[in-house]
Every structure is written in C-alpha cells, then in structure tokens.
Amino acid sequence: MLPVNGAAKEPAQGFIKNNRLEVFEDKRHGYDTHGNLIEKRIGEHTIIQLSWDVEHQLQSVRVTEAAHTNRP
C-alpha cells in the first residue's frame, strides 16, 4: 500500500541482537536473561523500568521523565 501522496517509504530499521529489538529510532531497550523487557529509554528524557516476578508476570513499572535543563 502506498501513502496518500503516492511516494513509497522505506520500512523503519532497528537494531536487533539475539532476536531482541535493542534500538529503534530514539528508543533503547534492555532485557533480562529471560527476555523480559526491563528498561526502555526514550531519547534523553524518559526512562521506563519494568520489574517481573519469578513467573514472568509484570509486577511494577516506574517512569522517570527528566526536565530539560539546557534552556536559556
């Protein structure tokens, strides 16, 4: 399917290692040894941390958003 303007777009590319998405656009992903997502970084401003129990069920999510301090 072509976009409305008729121009074909290339599919987005990401960095995959050990069948896990490590980098996509400005997002960085971290995994534990079981393949559970434990950290997602979005740019330089947001960190999402996830914790899992021994049955691989999501237990908690912590989102940290950094304020931009380099404004004049």
PDB file of N, CA and C in Angstrom:
ATOM      1  N   MET A   1       0.845  -1.174   0.000  1.00  0.00           N
ATOM      2  CA  MET A   1       0.000   0.000   0.000  1.00  0.00           C
ATOM      3  C   MET A   1       0.894   1.242   0.000  1.00  0.00           C
ATOM      4  N   LEU A   2       0.562   2.209  -0.797  1.00  0.00           N
ATOM      5  CA  LEU A   2       1.318   3.447  -0.882  1.00  0.00           C
ATOM      6  C   LEU A   2       0.685   4.516  -0.007  1.00  0.00           C
ATOM      7  N   PRO A   3       1.530   5.427   0.517  1.00  0.00           N
ATOM      8  CA  PRO A   3       0.971   6.558   1.267  1.00  0.00           C
ATOM      9  C   PRO A   3       0.083   7.410   0.369  1.00  0.00           C
ATOM     10  N   VAL A   4      -0.669   8.309   0.957  1.00  0.00           N
ATOM     11  CA  VAL A   4      -1.621   9.140   0.224  1.00  0.00           C
ATOM     12  C   VAL A   4      -0.956   9.923  -0.896  1.00  0.00           C
ATOM     13  N   ASN A   5       0.259  10.441  -0.663  1.00  0.00           N
ATOM     14  CA  ASN A   5       0.913  11.250  -1.685  1.00  0.00           C
ATOM     15  C   ASN A   5       1.511  10.399  -2.810  1.00  0.00           C
ATOM     16  N   GLY A   6       1.432   9.069  -2.709  1.00  0.00           N
ATOM     17  CA  GLY A   6       1.894   8.192  -3.775  1.00  0.00           C
ATOM     18  C   GLY A   6       3.356   7.821  -3.704  1.00  0.00           C
ATOM     19  N   ALA A   7       4.114   8.394  -2.798  1.00  0.00           N
ATOM     20  CA  ALA A   7       5.548   8.097  -2.685  1.00  0.00           C
ATOM     21  C   ALA A   7       5.739   6.893  -1.770  1.00  0.00           C
ATOM     22  N   ALA A   8       6.569   5.963  -2.211  1.00  0.00           N
ATOM     23  CA  ALA A   8       6.851   4.786  -1.379  1.00  0.00           C
ATOM     24  C   ALA A   8       7.856   5.160  -0.302  1.00  0.00           C
ATOM     25  N   LYS A   9       7.637   4.666   0.904  1.00  0.00           N
ATOM     26  CA  LYS A   9       8.561   4.915   2.009  1.00  0.00           C
ATOM     27  C   LYS A   9       9.301   3.633   2.333  1.00  0.00           C
ATOM     28  N   GLU A  10      10.551   3.776   2.783  1.00  0.00           N
ATOM     29  CA  GLU A  10      11.295   2.616   3.243  1.00  0.00           C
ATOM     30  C   GLU A  10      10.781   2.210   4.614  1.00  0.00           C
ATOM     31  N   PRO A  11      10.767   0.908   4.902  1.00  0.00           N
ATOM     32  CA  PRO A  11      10.360   0.494   6.249  1.00  0.00           C
ATOM     33  C   PRO A  11      11.374   0.960   7.284  1.00  0.00           C
ATOM     34  N   ALA A  12      10.899   1.237   8.487  1.00  0.00           N
ATOM     35  CA  ALA A  12      11.783   1.688   9.560  1.00  0.00           C
ATOM     36  C   ALA A  12      12.758   0.574   9.926  1.00  0.00           C
ATOM     37  N   GLN A  13      13.980   0.936  10.225  1.00  0.00           N
ATOM     38  CA  GLN A  13      15.010  -0.030  10.570  1.00  0.00           C
ATOM     39  C   GLN A  13      15.342   0.076  12.050  1.00  0.00           C
ATOM     40  N   GLY A  14      15.614  -1.036  12.666  1.00  0.00           N
ATOM     41  CA  GLY A  14      16.018  -1.080  14.063  1.00  0.00           C
ATOM     42  C   GLY A  14      17.201  -2.015  14.202  1.00  0.00           C
ATOM     43  N   PHE A  15      17.869  -1.971  15.348  1.00  0.00           N
ATOM     44  CA  PHE A  15      18.994  -2.862  15.626  1.00  0.00           C
ATOM     45  C   PHE A  15      18.478  -4.028  16.448  1.00  0.00           C
ATOM     46  N   ILE A  16      18.623  -5.234  15.912  1.00  0.00           N
ATOM     47  CA  ILE A  16      18.151  -6.440  16.586  1.00  0.00           C
ATOM     48  C   ILE A  16      19.351  -7.306  16.925  1.00  0.00           C
ATOM     49  N   LYS A  17      19.430  -7.750  18.186  1.00  0.00           N
ATOM     50  CA  LYS A  17      20.508  -8.606  18.653  1.00  0.00           C
ATOM     51  C   LYS A  17      19.892  -9.743  19.449  1.00  0.00           C
ATOM     52  N   ASN A  18      20.272 -10.979  19.151  1.00  0.00           N
ATOM     53  CA  ASN A  18      19.729 -12.158  19.826  1.00  0.00           C
ATOM     54  C   ASN A  18      18.200 -12.180  19.770  1.00  0.00           C
ATOM     55  N   ASN A  19      17.661 -11.800  18.620  1.00  0.00           N
ATOM     56  CA  ASN A  19      16.218 -11.792  18.384  1.00  0.00           C
ATOM     57  C   ASN A  19      15.472 -10.827  19.310  1.00  0.00           C
ATOM     58  N   ARG A  20      16.168  -9.792  19.770  1.00  0.00           N
ATOM     59  CA  ARG A  20      15.551  -8.769  20.624  1.00  0.00           C
ATOM     60  C   ARG A  20      15.835  -7.400  20.029  1.00  0.00           C
ATOM     61  N   LEU A  21      14.827  -6.575  20.008  1.00  0.00           N
ATOM     62  CA  LEU A  21      14.986  -5.218  19.499  1.00  0.00           C
ATOM     63  C   LEU A  21      15.781  -4.400  20.509  1.00  0.00           C
ATOM     64  N   GLU A  22      16.977  -3.963  20.127  1.00  0.00           N
ATOM     65  CA  GLU A  22      17.836  -3.186  21.025  1.00  0.00           C
ATOM     66  C   GLU A  22      17.631  -1.683  20.824  1.00  0.00           C
ATOM     67  N   VAL A  23      17.571  -1.253  19.559  1.00  0.00           N
ATOM     68  CA  VAL A  23      17.472   0.171  19.237  1.00  0.00           C
ATOM     69  C   VAL A  23      16.453   0.353  18.119  1.00  0.00           C
ATOM     70  N   PHE A  24      15.573   1.326  18.295  1.00  0.00           N
ATOM     71  CA  PHE A  24      14.637   1.713  17.243  1.00  0.00           C
ATOM     72  C   PHE A  24      14.392   3.203  17.384  1.00  0.00           C
ATOM     73  N   GLU A  25      14.747   3.940  16.339  1.00  0.00           N
ATOM     74  CA  GLU A  25      14.655   5.394  16.349  1.00  0.00           C
ATOM     75  C   GLU A  25      15.401   5.934  17.560  1.00  0.00           C
ATOM     76  N   ASP A  26      14.741   6.667  18.463  1.00  0.00           N
ATOM     77  CA  ASP A  26      15.426   7.204  19.645  1.00  0.00           C
ATOM     78  C   ASP A  26      15.151   6.360  20.886  1.00  0.00           C
ATOM     79  N   LYS A  27      14.709   5.131  20.694  1.00  0.00           N
ATOM     80  CA  LYS A  27      14.366   4.255  21.810  1.00  0.00           C
ATOM     81  C   LYS A  27      15.417   3.165  21.981  1.00  0.00           C
ATOM     82  N   ARG A  28      15.796   2.919  23.233  1.00  0.00           N
ATOM     83  CA  ARG A  28      16.758   1.865  23.579  1.00  0.00           C
ATOM     84  C   ARG A  28      16.061   0.891  24.517  1.00  0.00           C
ATOM     85  N   HIS A  29      16.252  -0.409  24.282  1.00  0.00           N
ATOM     86  CA  HIS A  29      15.569  -1.434  25.066  1.00  0.00           C
ATOM     87  C   HIS A  29      16.580  -2.323  25.772  1.00  0.00           C
ATOM     88  N   GLY A  30      16.301  -2.673  27.028  1.00  0.00           N
ATOM     89  CA  GLY A  30      17.144  -3.590  27.784  1.00  0.00           C
ATOM     90  C   GLY A  30      16.310  -4.770  28.264  1.00  0.00           C
ATOM     91  N   TYR A  31      16.920  -5.961  28.269  1.00  0.00           N
ATOM     92  CA  TYR A  31      16.204  -7.186  28.609  1.00  0.00           C
ATOM     93  C   TYR A  31      16.949  -7.945  29.694  1.00  0.00           C
ATOM     94  N   ASP A  32      16.220  -8.767  30.462  1.00  0.00           N
ATOM     95  CA  ASP A  32      16.866  -9.665  31.416  1.00  0.00           C
ATOM     96  C   ASP A  32      17.221 -10.971  30.708  1.00  0.00           C
ATOM     97  N   THR A  33      17.759 -11.930  31.446  1.00  0.00           N
ATOM     98  CA  THR A  33      18.208 -13.183  30.824  1.00  0.00           C
ATOM     99  C   THR A  33      17.047 -14.027  30.299  1.00  0.00           C
ATOM    100  N   HIS A  34      15.834 -13.739  30.731  1.00  0.00           N
ATOM    101  CA  HIS A  34      14.659 -14.488  30.273  1.00  0.00           C
ATOM    102  C   HIS A  34      13.971 -13.822  29.089  1.00  0.00           C
ATOM    103  N   GLY A  35      14.471 -12.681  28.663  1.00  0.00           N
ATOM    104  CA  GLY A  35      13.884 -11.981  27.531  1.00  0.00           C
ATOM    105  C   GLY A  35      12.809 -10.983  27.899  1.00  0.00           C
ATOM    106  N   ASN A  36      12.610 -10.747  29.185  1.00  0.00           N
ATOM    107  CA  ASN A  36      11.628  -9.745  29.618  1.00  0.00           C
ATOM    108  C   ASN A  36      12.222  -8.348  29.455  1.00  0.00           C
ATOM    109  N   LEU A  37      11.424  -7.440  28.944  1.00  0.00           N
ATOM    110  CA  LEU A  37      11.850  -6.053  28.830  1.00  0.00           C
ATOM    111  C   LEU A  37      11.989  -5.470  30.229  1.00  0.00           C
ATOM    112  N   ILE A  38      13.178  -4.972  30.573  1.00  0.00           N
ATOM    113  CA  ILE A  38      13.370  -4.397  31.907  1.00  0.00           C
ATOM    114  C   ILE A  38      13.625  -2.893  31.870  1.00  0.00           C
ATOM    115  N   GLU A  39      14.004  -2.366  30.693  1.00  0.00           N
ATOM    116  CA  GLU A  39      14.240  -0.924  30.610  1.00  0.00           C
ATOM    117  C   GLU A  39      14.019  -0.447  29.190  1.00  0.00           C
ATOM    118  N   LYS A  40      13.373   0.700  29.083  1.00  0.00           N
ATOM    119  CA  LYS A  40      13.175   1.359  27.804  1.00  0.00           C
ATOM    120  C   LYS A  40      13.552   2.818  27.980  1.00  0.00           C
ATOM    121  N   ARG A  41      14.489   3.275  27.180  1.00  0.00           N
ATOM    122  CA  ARG A  41      14.907   4.678  27.211  1.00  0.00           C
ATOM    123  C   ARG A  41      14.409   5.360  25.953  1.00  0.00           C
ATOM    124  N   ILE A  42      13.769   6.498  26.135  1.00  0.00           N
ATOM    125  CA  ILE A  42      13.260   7.269  25.009  1.00  0.00           C
ATOM    126  C   ILE A  42      14.004   8.589  24.987  1.00  0.00           C
ATOM    127  N   GLY A  43      14.845   8.763  23.985  1.00  0.00           N
ATOM    128  CA  GLY A  43      15.670   9.956  23.901  1.00  0.00           C
ATOM    129  C   GLY A  43      16.523  10.117  25.140  1.00  0.00           C
ATOM    130  N   GLU A  44      16.712  11.349  25.557  1.00  0.00           N
ATOM    131  CA  GLU A  44      17.466  11.628  26.775  1.00  0.00           C
ATOM    132  C   GLU A  44      16.541  12.037  27.916  1.00  0.00           C
ATOM    133  N   HIS A  45      15.239  11.907  27.708  1.00  0.00           N
ATOM    134  CA  HIS A  45      14.310  12.478  28.680  1.00  0.00           C
ATOM    135  C   HIS A  45      13.445  11.477  29.430  1.00  0.00           C
ATOM    136  N   THR A  46      13.275  10.261  28.946  1.00  0.00           N
ATOM    137  CA  THR A  46      12.360   9.330  29.599  1.00  0.00           C
ATOM    138  C   THR A  46      12.998   7.961  29.781  1.00  0.00           C
ATOM    139  N   ILE A  47      12.867   7.412  30.971  1.00  0.00           N
ATOM    140  CA  ILE A  47      13.321   6.054  31.277  1.00  0.00           C
ATOM    141  C   ILE A  47      12.142   5.293  31.871  1.00  0.00           C
ATOM    142  N   ILE A  48      11.845   4.142  31.291  1.00  0.00           N
ATOM    143  CA  ILE A  48      10.780   3.276  31.799  1.00  0.00           C
ATOM    144  C   ILE A  48      11.443   2.005  32.305  1.00  0.00           C
ATOM    145  N   GLN A  49      11.253   1.692  33.590  1.00  0.00           N
ATOM    146  CA  GLN A  49      11.833   0.496  34.192  1.00  0.00           C
ATOM    147  C   GLN A  49      10.702  -0.453  34.583  1.00  0.00           C
ATOM    148  N   LEU A  50      10.850  -1.719  34.183  1.00  0.00           N
ATOM    149  CA  LEU A  50       9.841  -2.729  34.463  1.00  0.00           C
ATOM    150  C   LEU A  50      10.456  -3.825  35.315  1.00  0.00           C
ATOM    151  N   SER A  51       9.674  -4.353  36.264  1.00  0.00           N
ATOM    152  CA  SER A  51      10.166  -5.470  37.070  1.00  0.00           C
ATOM    153  C   SER A  51       9.183  -6.630  36.957  1.00  0.00           C
ATOM    154  N   TRP A  52       9.747  -7.842  36.968  1.00  0.00           N
ATOM    155  CA  TRP A  52       8.986  -9.069  36.741  1.00  0.00           C
ATOM    156  C   TRP A  52       9.200 -10.018  37.916  1.00  0.00           C
ATOM    157  N   ASP A  53       8.201 -10.849  38.205  1.00  0.00           N
ATOM    158  CA  ASP A  53       8.361 -11.842  39.258  1.00  0.00           C
ATOM    159  C   ASP A  53       8.918 -13.142  38.668  1.00  0.00           C
ATOM    160  N   VAL A  54       9.052 -14.174  39.502  1.00  0.00           N
ATOM    161  CA  VAL A  54       9.656 -15.430  39.064  1.00  0.00           C
ATOM    162  C   VAL A  54       8.790 -16.180  38.050  1.00  0.00           C
ATOM    163  N   GLU A  55       7.517 -15.811  37.950  1.00  0.00           N
ATOM    164  CA  GLU A  55       6.625 -16.421  36.970  1.00  0.00           C
ATOM    165  C   GLU A  55       6.514 -15.569  35.706  1.00  0.00           C
ATOM    166  N   HIS A  56       7.405 -14.593  35.569  1.00  0.00           N
ATOM    167  CA  HIS A  56       7.481 -13.704  34.403  1.00  0.00           C
ATOM    168  C   HIS A  56       6.226 -12.860  34.231  1.00  0.00           C
ATOM    169  N   GLN A  57       5.619 -12.484  35.341  1.00  0.00           N
ATOM    170  CA  GLN A  57       4.474 -11.589  35.314  1.00  0.00           C
ATOM    171  C   GLN A  57       4.938 -10.194  35.718  1.00  0.00           C
ATOM    172  N   LEU A  58       4.456  -9.207  35.001  1.00  0.00           N
ATOM    173  CA  LEU A  58       4.837  -7.831  35.273  1.00  0.00           C
ATOM    174  C   LEU A  58       4.352  -7.420  36.662  1.00  0.00           C
ATOM    175  N   GLN A  59       5.276  -6.918  37.491  1.00  0.00           N
ATOM    176  CA  GLN A  59       4.943  -6.523  38.855  1.00  0.00           C
ATOM    177  C   GLN A  59       4.860  -5.015  39.026  1.00  0.00           C
ATOM    178  N   SER A  60       5.769  -4.283  38.378  1.00  0.00           N
ATOM    179  CA  SER A  60       5.738  -2.830  38.538  1.00  0.00           C
ATOM    180  C   SER A  60       6.396  -2.148  37.348  1.00  0.00           C
ATOM    181  N   VAL A  61       5.993  -0.900  37.174  1.00  0.00           N
ATOM    182  CA  VAL A  61       6.558  -0.052  36.127  1.00  0.00           C
ATOM    183  C   VAL A  61       6.866   1.293  36.758  1.00  0.00           C
ATOM    184  N   ARG A  62       8.068   1.794  36.499  1.00  0.00           N
ATOM    185  CA  ARG A  62       8.451   3.119  37.005  1.00  0.00           C
ATOM    186  C   ARG A  62       8.866   3.972  35.815  1.00  0.00           C
ATOM    187  N   VAL A  63       8.252   5.132  35.686  1.00  0.00           N
ATOM    188  CA  VAL A  63       8.550   6.055  34.591  1.00  0.00           C
ATOM    189  C   VAL A  63       9.218   7.286  35.171  1.00  0.00           C
ATOM    190  N   THR A  64      10.381   7.622  34.638  1.00  0.00           N
ATOM    191  CA  THR A  64      11.111   8.814  35.066  1.00  0.00           C
ATOM    192  C   THR A  64      11.275   9.727  33.864  1.00  0.00           C
ATOM    193  N   GLU A  65      10.786  10.938  34.001  1.00  0.00           N
ATOM    194  CA  GLU A  65      10.922  11.933  32.939  1.00  0.00           C
ATOM    195  C   GLU A  65      11.819  13.047  33.430  1.00  0.00           C
ATOM    196  N   ALA A  66      12.904  13.268  32.730  1.00  0.00           N
ATOM    197  CA  ALA A  66      13.862  14.299  33.121  1.00  0.00           C
ATOM    198  C   ALA A  66      13.430  15.646  32.540  1.00  0.00           C
ATOM    199  N   ALA A  67      13.580  16.673  33.348  1.00  0.00           N
ATOM    200  CA  ALA A  67      13.297  18.027  32.871  1.00  0.00           C
ATOM    201  C   ALA A  67      14.479  18.513  32.036  1.00  0.00           C
ATOM    202  N   HIS A  68      14.182  19.258  31.006  1.00  0.00           N
ATOM    203  CA  HIS A  68      15.243  19.838  30.190  1.00  0.00           C
ATOM    204  C   HIS A  68      15.857  21.022  30.937  1.00  0.00           C
ATOM    205  N   THR A  69      17.156  20.936  31.197  1.00  0.00           N
ATOM    206  CA  THR A  69      17.818  21.984  31.977  1.00  0.00           C
ATOM    207  C   THR A  69      18.724  22.859  31.128  1.00  0.00           C
ATOM    208  N   ASN A  70      18.787  22.611  29.831  1.00  0.00           N
ATOM    209  CA  ASN A  70      19.689  23.386  28.988  1.00  0.00           C
ATOM    210  C   ASN A  70      18.999  24.550  28.294  1.00  0.00           C
ATOM    211  N   ARG A  71      17.875  24.997  28.832  1.00  0.00           N
ATOM    212  CA  ARG A  71      17.189  26.155  28.257  1.00  0.00           C
ATOM    213  C   ARG A  71      17.818  27.448  28.774  1.00  0.00           C
ATOM    214  N   PRO A  72      17.873  28.469  27.916  1.00  0.00           N
ATOM    215  CA  PRO A  72      18.444  29.763  28.365  1.00  0.00           C
ATOM    216  C   PRO A  72      17.551  30.491  29.344  1.00  0.00           C
TER     217      PRO A  72
END
